[in-house]
Structure formats: structure tokens, C-alpha cells
């Protein structure tokens, strides 16, 4: 089984990326494959400059998922609009277009969106 996720909200403002993180970990433990597409403010979740002393570190959570084989992509236009470039995103993630999102949806048995 392959499950795809889209996150449309930024870090620390909503619980969405935390929920996706926990769902992906649970799915991986069951042997499922997962992919995540960051869209709109969601692209900020893969900013490698996130510093959160004493708080959960979302950038570290995203790095952990990448090391476990989760494909994480973010909308390139959304990132550009928010001042993020390839040099400011977590290693192992990528900026991509709608073709990558379409491919993720097509390959997924289930696709869940977390937004506003």
C-alpha cells in the first residue's frame, strides 16, 4: 500500500505537519510506502533553517522521514513566492511542479490532504 499526503499549512501554526509525521511513521511501521507534497505555506516545513529550542523540531522530523525513504517534495512556485530556494531546503527533499504532485497522487492507493 502507498499513502500520499499533502500539507498546505506552515510549521508551528497548525498541527497538520505533526499529524502527517505521526501517520507516516505508523504507516512505515506497517510496511507501507509514503510520499509527502508540501504546498502553499506547507513548503516552510522543509526549511532547513528551522530552529526551535525546547520545542519539537519539524525540520528534524522531516529529515528523519527522508532517511526512512519517504519522498518529500514541495511546490517550487510556492517556495519561490516565500523566498525559499534549493539551498534553503532540507537535504533529500526537492522543489517540484504539479507533474510530481500528479505522479504522487496517481501512484498512491490513498491520498490525504491537510489544509486550512
Protein backbone atom coordinates (compact mmCIF):
# COMPACT_ATOMS: atom_id res chain seq x y z
CA UNK A 1 0.00 0.00 0.00
CA UNK A 2 1.18 3.51 -0.80
CA UNK A 3 -0.20 6.54 1.01
CA UNK A 4 0.36 10.09 -0.19
CA UNK A 5 -0.05 13.21 1.87
CA UNK A 6 -0.29 16.91 1.09
CA UNK A 7 0.45 19.56 3.72
CA UNK A 8 -0.83 23.05 2.94
CA UNK A 9 -0.06 24.77 6.25
CA UNK A 10 3.17 26.03 7.74
CA UNK A 11 5.07 24.83 10.79
CA UNK A 12 4.00 25.69 14.34
CA UNK A 13 0.77 27.40 13.23
CA UNK A 14 -1.29 24.25 12.79
CA UNK A 15 -1.00 20.64 13.90
CA UNK A 16 -1.10 19.33 10.32
CA UNK A 17 2.57 18.57 9.72
CA UNK A 18 2.81 16.89 13.14
CA UNK A 19 -0.18 14.70 12.30
CA UNK A 20 1.33 13.76 8.93
CA UNK A 21 4.66 12.96 10.63
CA UNK A 22 2.95 10.57 13.07
CA UNK A 23 0.76 8.99 10.37
CA UNK A 24 3.75 8.42 8.08
CA UNK A 25 5.75 6.80 10.88
CA UNK A 26 2.82 4.49 11.69
CA UNK A 27 2.35 3.62 8.01
CA UNK A 28 6.05 2.87 7.57
CA UNK A 29 5.91 0.57 10.61
CA UNK A 30 3.18 -1.40 8.83
CA UNK A 31 5.36 -1.71 5.72
CA UNK A 32 3.55 0.92 3.65
CA UNK A 33 5.30 3.37 1.35
CA UNK A 34 4.63 7.08 1.77
CA UNK A 35 5.17 10.34 -0.03
CA UNK A 36 4.53 13.92 1.07
CA UNK A 37 3.92 17.01 -1.05
CA UNK A 38 4.25 20.40 0.62
CA UNK A 39 2.02 23.07 -0.93
CA UNK A 40 1.30 26.74 -0.22
CA UNK A 41 2.64 27.61 3.29
CA UNK A 42 3.43 23.92 3.74
CA UNK A 43 6.71 24.47 1.89
CA UNK A 44 8.02 26.18 5.03
CA UNK A 45 8.03 22.80 6.79
CA UNK A 46 11.15 21.76 4.86
CA UNK A 47 13.15 24.93 5.54
CA UNK A 48 16.46 23.68 6.90
CA UNK A 49 16.92 26.85 8.94
CA UNK A 50 14.14 25.98 11.39
CA UNK A 51 15.45 26.43 14.91
CA UNK A 52 13.14 25.50 17.75
CA UNK A 53 14.94 25.16 21.08
CA UNK A 54 12.76 23.48 23.67
CA UNK A 55 10.13 22.78 21.03
CA UNK A 56 9.66 19.91 18.61
CA UNK A 57 11.90 20.48 15.59
CA UNK A 58 9.84 19.98 12.46
CA UNK A 59 12.89 20.17 10.19
CA UNK A 60 14.43 17.27 12.12
CA UNK A 61 11.20 15.30 11.78
CA UNK A 62 11.22 15.82 8.01
CA UNK A 63 14.89 14.76 7.83
CA UNK A 64 14.01 11.61 9.73
CA UNK A 65 11.28 10.74 7.22
CA UNK A 66 13.66 11.29 4.30
CA UNK A 67 16.20 8.91 5.86
CA UNK A 68 13.41 6.31 6.11
CA UNK A 69 12.78 6.52 2.36
CA UNK A 70 9.83 8.91 2.27
CA UNK A 71 9.71 11.07 -0.84
CA UNK A 72 9.17 14.69 0.20
CA UNK A 73 8.64 17.30 -2.47
CA UNK A 74 7.47 20.89 -2.29
CA UNK A 75 5.84 23.17 -4.82
CA UNK A 76 8.63 25.15 -6.46
CA UNK A 77 6.44 28.16 -7.22
CA UNK A 78 5.13 28.25 -3.65
CA UNK A 79 8.70 28.08 -2.34
CA UNK A 80 9.88 30.85 -4.66
CA UNK A 81 6.96 33.06 -3.58
CA UNK A 82 8.05 32.55 0.06
CA UNK A 83 11.75 33.17 -0.58
CA UNK A 84 12.89 29.54 -0.38
CA UNK A 85 15.38 28.16 -2.86
CA UNK A 86 17.12 24.83 -3.35
CA UNK A 87 19.86 25.94 -0.97
CA UNK A 88 17.43 26.53 1.90
CA UNK A 89 15.55 23.22 1.94
CA UNK A 90 16.37 20.03 3.79
CA UNK A 91 18.76 17.68 2.01
CA UNK A 92 16.88 14.83 0.38
CA UNK A 93 13.78 16.91 -0.29
CA UNK A 94 13.12 18.63 -3.60
CA UNK A 95 11.30 21.51 -5.19
CA UNK A 96 8.95 20.31 -7.89
CA UNK A 97 5.97 21.15 -10.01
CA UNK A 98 2.45 19.88 -10.41
CA UNK A 99 3.67 16.94 -12.51
CA UNK A 100 5.34 15.48 -9.41
CA UNK A 101 2.18 16.02 -7.37
CA UNK A 102 0.11 14.35 -10.08
CA UNK A 103 2.52 11.40 -10.11
CA UNK A 104 2.30 11.07 -6.31
CA UNK A 105 -1.49 11.06 -6.43
CA UNK A 106 -1.53 8.58 -9.31
CA UNK A 107 0.81 6.15 -7.54
CA UNK A 108 -0.98 6.38 -4.18
CA UNK A 109 -3.68 3.98 -3.07
CA UNK A 110 -4.89 6.74 -0.75
CA UNK A 111 -4.08 10.45 -0.81
CA UNK A 112 -4.91 12.70 2.14
CA UNK A 113 -4.70 16.50 2.22
CA UNK A 114 -4.16 18.55 5.37
CA UNK A 115 -5.05 22.20 4.93
CA UNK A 116 -6.87 25.12 6.42
